[in-house]
Amino acid sequence: MKKKMLCLALFGAMGAAQAVMAQDFDDRWYIDGSLGFNFQDSSRNNYNAPFGMIGVGKPLSPNWALELNFNFQNPRENNPDTGAHWRQSGLALDALYTFRTEGRNWNPYMRFGLGWQRTEEAYFRTAVGGPTFKRTSNNFALDAGVGLAAKYGRYGIRTEVGARWDDDGNSIESPGSSYFLDLLASVGVTVALGPEPMKAVEPAPAPVVTCADKDSDGDGVNDCNDKCPNSPAGQTVGPDGCPVPVTIDLRGVNFDFDKSTLRPDAVAILNEAIEVLKKYPELKVEVAGHTDSIGTDAYNQKLSERRATAVYNYLTSNGVDAGRLIGPHGYGESHPIAPNTLPDGKDNPEGRAQNRRTELNVQN
């Protein structure tokens, strides 16, 4: 009954020691030590005695660990005629398997192993006044146990009940025994050695690619906003991915002969051009002025510059950012779009009127 009560008390104390610490795999070497009570096999005719154990261990995985442990106990023989003392010590290599559950700090485990056990028995016959005798025995041993363990950073605590089978059958009190089976109950601590291991870093999830990240036709407009997919390479497009004219049509923005003043009919056309520029805020345009062929090249160059400046000033004064405008540039009479003379060499007033113009040439 005492054995059962002690085991239940040990397990109850351990079950109350719960924590909310992360259950990470710690592969550091550790030292362990335990104190407990050795319930001696009744065949030994010994009193039960306390025992101690100390060892070193190494986790091999989140569940498995190996330990090398040394144990010692010194029970007294339950015989007034001999008054013998037993000194028992041993070394065992044990495997531990822990039943871990994510998010739980206390976990059950089982232990099993094999080792070597040394027994030194000293006795004397008080009834007959005889001399003191000694018996030494080295034996093969097996051990097994179950327990609960908890960990708090570097430190751990555990409690265990188990048994040790000792291949020793030479006791002076039990000469007919072929082995002894002792029961063990203990509490212990572990201390991990070295710095705390780095926590594993989970790889970042692969980025989700959407239409906003794709530009299938390479026109600089993502597929979500591209209203005109499959644009030819090198084609000038607006923010919606649709083609824009290389030259914004300003036909009608013509000038009277030898004049650089905007005519009333040109203002309406320029207002339409301003709307186009507002619709496509990424466009940059060159403001270019032209003349017909009447007059010297030098004079026409200056006149074309004044015409370009008139359009430039109108655009900027009506909300077009000057940073989007290149120029104003004048090209004189060098870029006609219609013949200045007829095939017979006579003057062509209609052609010259078309050449007295200003253009907005898209640059991107």
Protein backbone atom coordinates (compact mmCIF):
# COMPACT_ATOMS: atom_id res chain seq x y z
CA MET A 1 0.00 0.00 0.00
CA LYS A 2 2.84 2.42 0.80
CA LYS A 3 4.33 1.78 -2.63
CA LYS A 4 1.05 2.58 -4.38
CA MET A 5 0.49 5.76 -2.37
CA LEU A 6 3.98 7.06 -3.12
CA CYS A 7 3.63 6.41 -6.87
CA LEU A 8 0.24 8.11 -7.03
CA ALA A 9 1.59 11.15 -5.15
CA LEU A 10 4.53 11.50 -7.53
CA PHE A 11 2.35 11.36 -10.62
CA GLY A 12 -0.19 13.77 -9.15
CA ALA A 13 2.49 16.35 -8.40
CA MET A 14 3.86 16.10 -11.90
CA GLY A 15 0.45 16.37 -13.55
CA ALA A 16 -0.11 19.72 -11.81
CA ALA A 17 3.12 21.15 -13.25
CA GLN A 18 1.70 22.25 -16.60
CA ALA A 19 2.97 25.20 -18.66
CA VAL A 20 2.10 27.00 -21.88
CA MET A 21 5.59 26.95 -23.33
CA ALA A 22 6.24 25.99 -26.95
CA GLN A 23 7.03 22.33 -27.62
CA ASP A 24 10.17 22.85 -29.71
CA PHE A 25 12.81 20.16 -30.31
CA ASP A 26 15.88 20.87 -28.19
CA ASP A 27 18.80 18.65 -29.21
CA ARG A 28 21.29 19.84 -26.57
CA TRP A 29 23.17 17.39 -24.37
CA TYR A 30 21.88 17.43 -20.80
CA ILE A 31 22.72 16.12 -17.37
CA ASP A 32 20.10 14.46 -15.21
CA GLY A 33 19.84 13.60 -11.56
CA SER A 34 17.17 11.78 -9.54
CA LEU A 35 16.41 10.85 -5.96
CA GLY A 36 13.95 8.15 -5.07
CA PHE A 37 13.10 5.07 -3.12
CA ASN A 38 14.17 1.52 -3.94
CA PHE A 39 11.57 -1.08 -2.93
CA GLN A 40 13.85 -4.11 -2.58
CA ASP A 41 12.84 -7.54 -3.82
CA SER A 42 11.47 -9.40 -0.79
CA SER A 43 13.84 -12.29 -1.55
CA ARG A 44 16.77 -10.10 -0.58
CA ASN A 45 15.35 -9.81 2.94
CA ASN A 46 16.41 -6.15 2.95
CA TYR A 47 14.89 -2.97 4.20
CA ASN A 48 13.74 -0.61 1.47
CA ALA A 49 16.22 2.21 0.93
CA PRO A 50 16.63 5.56 -0.81
CA PHE A 51 18.70 5.70 -3.98
CA GLY A 52 20.29 8.30 -6.21
CA MET A 53 20.97 8.43 -9.93
CA ILE A 54 23.02 10.78 -12.09
CA GLY A 55 23.71 10.68 -15.80
CA VAL A 56 24.04 12.38 -19.14
CA GLY A 57 21.62 12.32 -22.08
CA LYS A 58 21.27 13.34 -25.72
CA PRO A 59 17.98 13.86 -27.62
CA LEU A 60 18.02 12.15 -31.00
CA SER A 61 14.65 13.43 -32.22
CA PRO A 62 11.60 15.19 -30.74
CA ASN A 63 10.58 11.81 -29.25
CA TRP A 64 13.72 9.72 -28.73
CA ALA A 65 16.67 10.25 -26.39
CA LEU A 66 19.56 8.17 -25.04
CA GLU A 67 20.88 8.36 -21.47
CA LEU A 68 23.85 6.85 -19.65
CA ASN A 69 23.00 6.68 -15.92
CA PHE A 70 24.83 5.67 -12.75
CA ASN A 71 22.79 4.53 -9.72
CA PHE A 72 23.65 3.88 -6.08
CA GLN A 73 21.80 2.55 -3.01
CA ASN A 74 22.90 1.13 0.35
CA PRO A 75 20.11 -0.94 1.91
CA ARG A 76 20.43 -2.74 5.26
CA GLU A 77 19.60 -6.40 5.64
CA ASN A 78 16.46 -7.23 7.61
CA ASN A 79 18.08 -9.86 9.80
CA PRO A 80 19.17 -9.13 13.39
CA ASP A 81 21.51 -12.11 13.38
CA THR A 82 23.65 -10.77 10.55
CA GLY A 83 23.07 -7.00 10.47
CA ALA A 84 24.48 -7.02 6.96
CA HIS A 85 24.72 -4.01 4.71
CA TRP A 86 24.31 -4.15 0.93
CA ARG A 87 25.99 -1.60 -1.27
CA GLN A 88 24.52 -1.65 -4.79
CA SER A 89 25.66 0.44 -7.75
CA GLY A 90 25.23 0.20 -11.48
CA LEU A 91 25.59 1.72 -14.91
CA ALA A 92 22.83 1.55 -17.54
CA LEU A 93 22.32 2.72 -21.11
CA ASP A 94 18.66 3.71 -21.47
CA ALA A 95 16.43 4.71 -24.35
CA LEU A 96 13.60 7.16 -23.64
CA TYR A 97 10.53 7.64 -25.81
CA THR A 98 8.38 10.70 -25.03
CA PHE A 99 4.76 10.92 -26.18
CA ARG A 100 4.70 14.59 -27.13
CA THR A 101 1.59 16.62 -27.92
CA GLU A 102 1.83 20.05 -29.53
CA GLY A 103 1.08 22.86 -27.09
CA ARG A 104 1.41 20.68 -23.96
CA ASN A 105 4.43 21.07 -21.72
CA TRP A 106 4.04 17.92 -19.63
CA ASN A 107 4.34 14.67 -21.51
CA PRO A 108 4.39 10.98 -20.58
CA TYR A 109 7.43 8.90 -21.44
CA MET A 110 8.73 5.38 -21.15
CA ARG A 111 12.26 4.19 -20.43
CA PHE A 112 13.97 0.88 -21.12
CA GLY A 113 17.60 -0.15 -21.11
CA LEU A 114 20.27 -2.57 -20.12
CA GLY A 115 23.35 -2.33 -17.96
CA TRP A 116 25.65 -3.68 -15.33
CA GLN A 117 24.91 -3.93 -11.60
CA ARG A 118 27.47 -4.48 -8.81
CA THR A 119 26.51 -5.82 -5.39
CA GLU A 120 28.75 -5.76 -2.28
CA GLU A 121 27.26 -7.59 0.71
CA ALA A 122 28.94 -7.42 4.16
CA TYR A 123 27.58 -9.63 6.94
CA PHE A 124 28.59 -11.25 10.20
CA ARG A 125 27.09 -13.79 12.59
CA THR A 126 26.36 -12.00 15.85
CA ALA A 127 24.72 -15.06 17.37
CA VAL A 128 27.82 -17.16 17.19
CA GLY A 129 30.37 -14.32 17.35
CA GLY A 130 31.76 -15.25 14.01
CA PRO A 131 33.87 -13.11 11.75
CA THR A 132 32.57 -10.65 9.15
CA PHE A 133 32.09 -11.98 5.62
CA LYS A 134 31.87 -10.17 2.33
CA ARG A 135 30.28 -11.07 -0.99
CA THR A 136 30.82 -9.19 -4.26
CA SER A 137 28.85 -9.86 -7.42
CA ASN A 138 28.78 -8.20 -10.87
CA ASN A 139 25.62 -8.90 -12.84
CA PHE A 140 23.73 -8.13 -16.00
CA ALA A 141 20.65 -5.93 -15.42
CA LEU A 142 17.57 -4.69 -17.29
CA ASP A 143 15.47 -1.67 -16.35
CA ALA A 144 12.16 -0.22 -17.51
CA GLY A 145 9.88 2.57 -16.35
CA VAL A 146 7.20 5.11 -17.16
CA GLY A 147 6.99 8.72 -16.13
CA LEU A 148 5.95 12.29 -16.78
CA ALA A 149 8.31 15.09 -17.77
CA ALA A 150 8.00 18.85 -18.18
CA LYS A 151 10.47 21.40 -19.49
CA TYR A 152 11.00 25.05 -18.59
CA GLY A 153 13.62 26.48 -20.91
CA ARG A 154 16.99 24.97 -19.99
CA TYR A 155 15.59 23.07 -17.00
CA GLY A 156 13.28 20.10 -16.77
CA ILE A 157 11.55 18.09 -14.07
CA ARG A 158 10.32 14.53 -14.21
CA THR A 159 8.95 11.75 -12.04
CA GLU A 160 9.07 8.04 -12.71
CA VAL A 161 8.11 4.59 -11.47
CA GLY A 162 9.84 1.50 -12.78
CA ALA A 163 11.60 -1.75 -12.11
CA ARG A 164 15.10 -3.20 -12.37
CA TRP A 165 15.78 -6.88 -13.04
CA ASP A 166 19.11 -7.89 -11.47
CA ASP A 167 20.72 -11.17 -12.52
CA ASP A 168 22.05 -11.82 -9.01
CA GLY A 169 21.15 -15.11 -7.35
CA ASN A 170 23.91 -15.42 -4.80
CA SER A 171 22.51 -13.61 -1.78
CA ILE A 172 23.47 -15.16 1.52
CA GLU A 173 19.84 -14.80 2.60
CA SER A 174 18.35 -16.16 -0.63
CA PRO A 175 20.74 -18.72 -2.08
CA GLY A 176 18.00 -20.26 -4.20
CA SER A 177 17.08 -17.08 -6.10
CA SER A 178 18.07 -16.80 -9.76
CA TYR A 179 17.38 -13.04 -9.98
CA PHE A 180 16.01 -10.06 -8.07
CA LEU A 181 13.31 -7.60 -9.23
CA ASP A 182 13.40 -4.25 -7.44
CA LEU A 183 10.76 -1.50 -7.81
CA LEU A 184 11.83 2.16 -8.09
CA ALA A 185 10.06 5.50 -7.66
CA SER A 186 11.87 8.80 -8.12
CA VAL A 187 11.74 12.50 -8.96
CA GLY A 188 14.51 14.26 -10.86
CA VAL A 189 15.73 17.25 -12.79
CA THR A 190 17.50 17.78 -16.09
CA VAL A 191 19.73 20.66 -17.13
CA ALA A 192 20.46 21.29 -20.81
CA LEU A 193 24.04 22.23 -21.71
CA GLY A 194 25.14 24.95 -24.10
CA PRO A 195 23.26 27.85 -25.73
CA GLU A 196 19.62 27.54 -26.65
CA PRO A 197 19.21 26.24 -30.22
CA MET A 198 17.96 28.58 -32.91
CA LYS A 199 14.31 28.14 -33.72
CA ALA A 200 13.57 26.86 -37.19
CA VAL A 201 12.43 29.60 -39.54
CA GLU A 202 9.47 28.64 -41.65
CA PRO A 203 9.91 29.50 -45.32
CA ALA A 204 7.86 32.41 -46.51
CA PRO A 205 4.84 31.38 -48.56
CA ALA A 206 5.21 31.71 -52.28
CA PRO A 207 3.84 35.05 -53.47
CA VAL A 208 0.46 34.92 -55.14
CA VAL A 209 0.78 36.11 -58.71
CA THR A 210 -2.24 38.03 -60.00
CA CYS A 211 -3.02 39.96 -63.15
CA ALA A 212 -1.62 43.05 -61.43
CA ASP A 213 1.81 41.37 -61.51
CA LYS A 214 1.66 40.37 -65.17
CA ASP A 215 2.26 42.31 -68.38
CA SER A 216 1.72 39.70 -71.07
CA ASP A 217 2.30 41.99 -74.04
CA GLY A 218 5.15 43.97 -72.46
CA ASP A 219 3.56 47.37 -73.07
CA GLY A 220 4.13 48.60 -69.50
CA VAL A 221 0.47 48.22 -68.46
CA ASN A 222 -0.43 45.30 -66.16
CA ASP A 223 -2.96 42.76 -67.38
CA CYS A 224 -5.63 43.97 -64.93
CA ASN A 225 -5.66 47.47 -66.45
CA ASP A 226 -4.81 46.53 -70.03
CA LYS A 227 -7.95 47.06 -72.11
CA CYS A 228 -6.07 46.30 -75.34
CA PRO A 229 -4.02 43.13 -74.77
CA ASN A 230 -1.50 41.83 -77.29
CA SER A 231 -0.25 45.30 -78.27
CA PRO A 232 2.54 45.14 -80.88
CA ALA A 233 6.05 45.65 -79.51
CA GLY A 234 7.12 49.29 -79.48
CA GLN A 235 3.60 50.67 -79.91
CA THR A 236 2.80 53.77 -77.87
CA VAL A 237 -0.07 53.04 -75.49
CA GLY A 238 -1.93 54.95 -72.83
CA PRO A 239 -2.60 53.95 -69.19
CA ASP A 240 -5.36 51.62 -70.37
CA GLY A 241 -2.99 49.76 -72.70
CA CYS A 242 -4.67 51.01 -75.86
CA PRO A 243 -2.76 52.75 -78.67
CA VAL A 244 -2.49 56.53 -78.65
CA PRO A 245 -1.70 58.60 -81.72
CA VAL A 246 1.96 59.39 -82.24
CA THR A 247 0.93 62.93 -83.08
CA ILE A 248 -2.06 64.47 -81.36
CA ASP A 249 -4.10 65.89 -84.20
CA LEU A 250 -4.12 69.69 -84.10
CA ARG A 251 -5.38 70.15 -87.63
CA GLY A 252 -7.26 73.39 -87.61
CA VAL A 253 -4.75 75.06 -85.30
CA ASN A 254 -3.45 77.06 -88.21
CA PHE A 255 -2.22 80.61 -88.29
CA ASP A 256 -2.86 83.58 -90.50
CA PHE A 257 -0.09 84.48 -92.86
CA ASP A 258 2.91 85.88 -91.02
CA LYS A 259 1.05 85.63 -87.68
CA SER A 260 1.64 83.64 -84.43
CA THR A 261 -1.60 84.58 -82.71
CA LEU A 262 -4.06 81.78 -81.96
CA ARG A 263 -7.29 82.14 -83.91
CA PRO A 264 -10.65 81.56 -82.15
CA ASP A 265 -11.28 78.38 -84.14
CA ALA A 266 -7.93 76.97 -82.93
CA VAL A 267 -8.88 77.31 -79.25
CA ALA A 268 -11.60 74.63 -79.49
CA ILE A 269 -9.15 72.20 -81.08
CA LEU A 270 -6.53 72.89 -78.41
CA ASN A 271 -9.12 72.25 -75.69
CA GLU A 272 -9.71 68.79 -77.18
CA ALA A 273 -5.96 68.18 -77.11
CA ILE A 274 -5.88 69.20 -73.46
CA GLU A 275 -8.56 66.58 -72.67
CA VAL A 276 -6.47 63.92 -74.42
CA LEU A 277 -3.44 64.89 -72.34
CA LYS A 278 -5.48 64.74 -69.12
CA LYS A 279 -6.81 61.30 -70.04
CA TYR A 280 -3.26 60.01 -70.54
CA PRO A 281 -1.24 61.69 -67.76
CA GLU A 282 1.88 59.67 -68.58
CA LEU A 283 2.23 61.10 -72.08
CA LYS A 284 4.98 63.52 -72.89
CA VAL A 285 4.69 65.59 -76.08
CA GLU A 286 6.84 67.92 -78.11
CA VAL A 287 5.28 71.26 -79.03
CA ALA A 288 6.45 71.90 -82.62
CA GLY A 289 5.74 74.97 -84.80
CA HIS A 290 5.92 75.16 -88.63
CA THR A 291 5.57 77.75 -91.44
CA ASP A 292 5.00 77.81 -95.16
CA SER A 293 7.77 78.59 -97.62
CA ILE A 294 7.20 82.32 -98.01
CA GLY A 295 10.08 84.28 -96.48
CA THR A 296 13.66 83.54 -95.65
CA ASP A 297 14.68 80.45 -93.70
CA ALA A 298 15.85 82.55 -90.75
CA TYR A 299 12.62 84.50 -90.59
CA ASN A 300 10.48 81.39 -90.88
CA GLN A 301 12.49 79.70 -88.12
CA LYS A 302 11.70 82.54 -85.70
CA LEU A 303 8.06 82.60 -86.79
CA SER A 304 7.67 78.84 -86.19
CA GLU A 305 9.15 79.24 -82.72
CA ARG A 306 6.64 81.98 -81.88
CA ARG A 307 3.78 79.77 -83.05
CA ALA A 308 5.01 76.86 -80.96
CA THR A 309 5.32 79.17 -77.96
CA ALA A 310 1.74 80.38 -78.38
CA VAL A 311 0.44 76.80 -78.19
CA TYR A 312 2.82 75.92 -75.33
CA ASN A 313 1.61 78.89 -73.26
CA TYR A 314 -2.03 78.00 -73.89
CA LEU A 315 -1.53 74.43 -72.75
CA THR A 316 0.32 75.30 -69.55
CA SER A 317 -2.17 78.04 -68.66
CA ASN A 318 -4.98 75.46 -68.92
CA GLY A 319 -3.66 72.84 -66.56
CA VAL A 320 -1.07 70.86 -68.54
CA ASP A 321 2.10 70.33 -66.48
CA ALA A 322 5.09 71.95 -68.18
CA GLY A 323 7.13 68.88 -67.20
CA ARG A 324 5.17 66.89 -69.78
CA LEU A 325 5.92 69.32 -72.60
CA ILE A 326 9.12 69.31 -74.63
CA GLY A 327 9.96 72.50 -76.39
CA PRO A 328 8.56 74.72 -77.70
CA HIS A 329 10.51 73.92 -80.85
CA GLY A 330 10.36 75.67 -84.20
CA TYR A 331 11.09 73.88 -87.48
CA GLY A 332 10.56 76.74 -89.91
CA GLU A 333 9.52 75.58 -93.37
CA SER A 334 11.55 72.36 -93.23
CA HIS A 335 8.65 69.94 -92.48
CA PRO A 336 5.78 70.68 -94.88
CA ILE A 337 2.77 68.38 -94.93
CA ALA A 338 1.39 69.80 -98.17
CA PRO A 339 2.97 71.29 -101.34
CA ASN A 340 3.66 75.01 -101.08
CA THR A 341 3.42 75.31 -104.90
CA LEU A 342 1.40 73.67 -107.60
CA PRO A 343 2.98 71.29 -110.13
CA ASP A 344 3.26 74.15 -112.63
CA GLY A 345 5.28 76.18 -110.12
CA LYS A 346 2.51 78.59 -109.23
CA ASP A 347 1.65 79.44 -105.63
CA ASN A 348 -0.53 76.96 -103.72
CA PRO A 349 -2.40 78.97 -101.05
CA GLU A 350 -4.26 75.95 -99.65
CA GLY A 351 -1.08 73.92 -99.22
CA ARG A 352 0.72 76.82 -97.57
CA ALA A 353 -2.21 77.26 -95.14
CA GLN A 354 -1.85 73.65 -94.03
CA ASN A 355 1.87 74.11 -93.45
CA ARG A 356 1.30 77.09 -91.12
CA ARG A 357 0.59 74.78 -88.15
CA THR A 358 1.61 73.52 -84.72
CA GLU A 359 1.83 69.82 -83.73
CA LEU A 360 2.02 67.84 -80.49
CA ASN A 361 4.37 64.90 -81.12
CA VAL A 362 4.15 62.06 -78.56
CA GLN A 363 7.61 61.18 -77.15
CA ASN A 364 6.84 57.96 -75.23
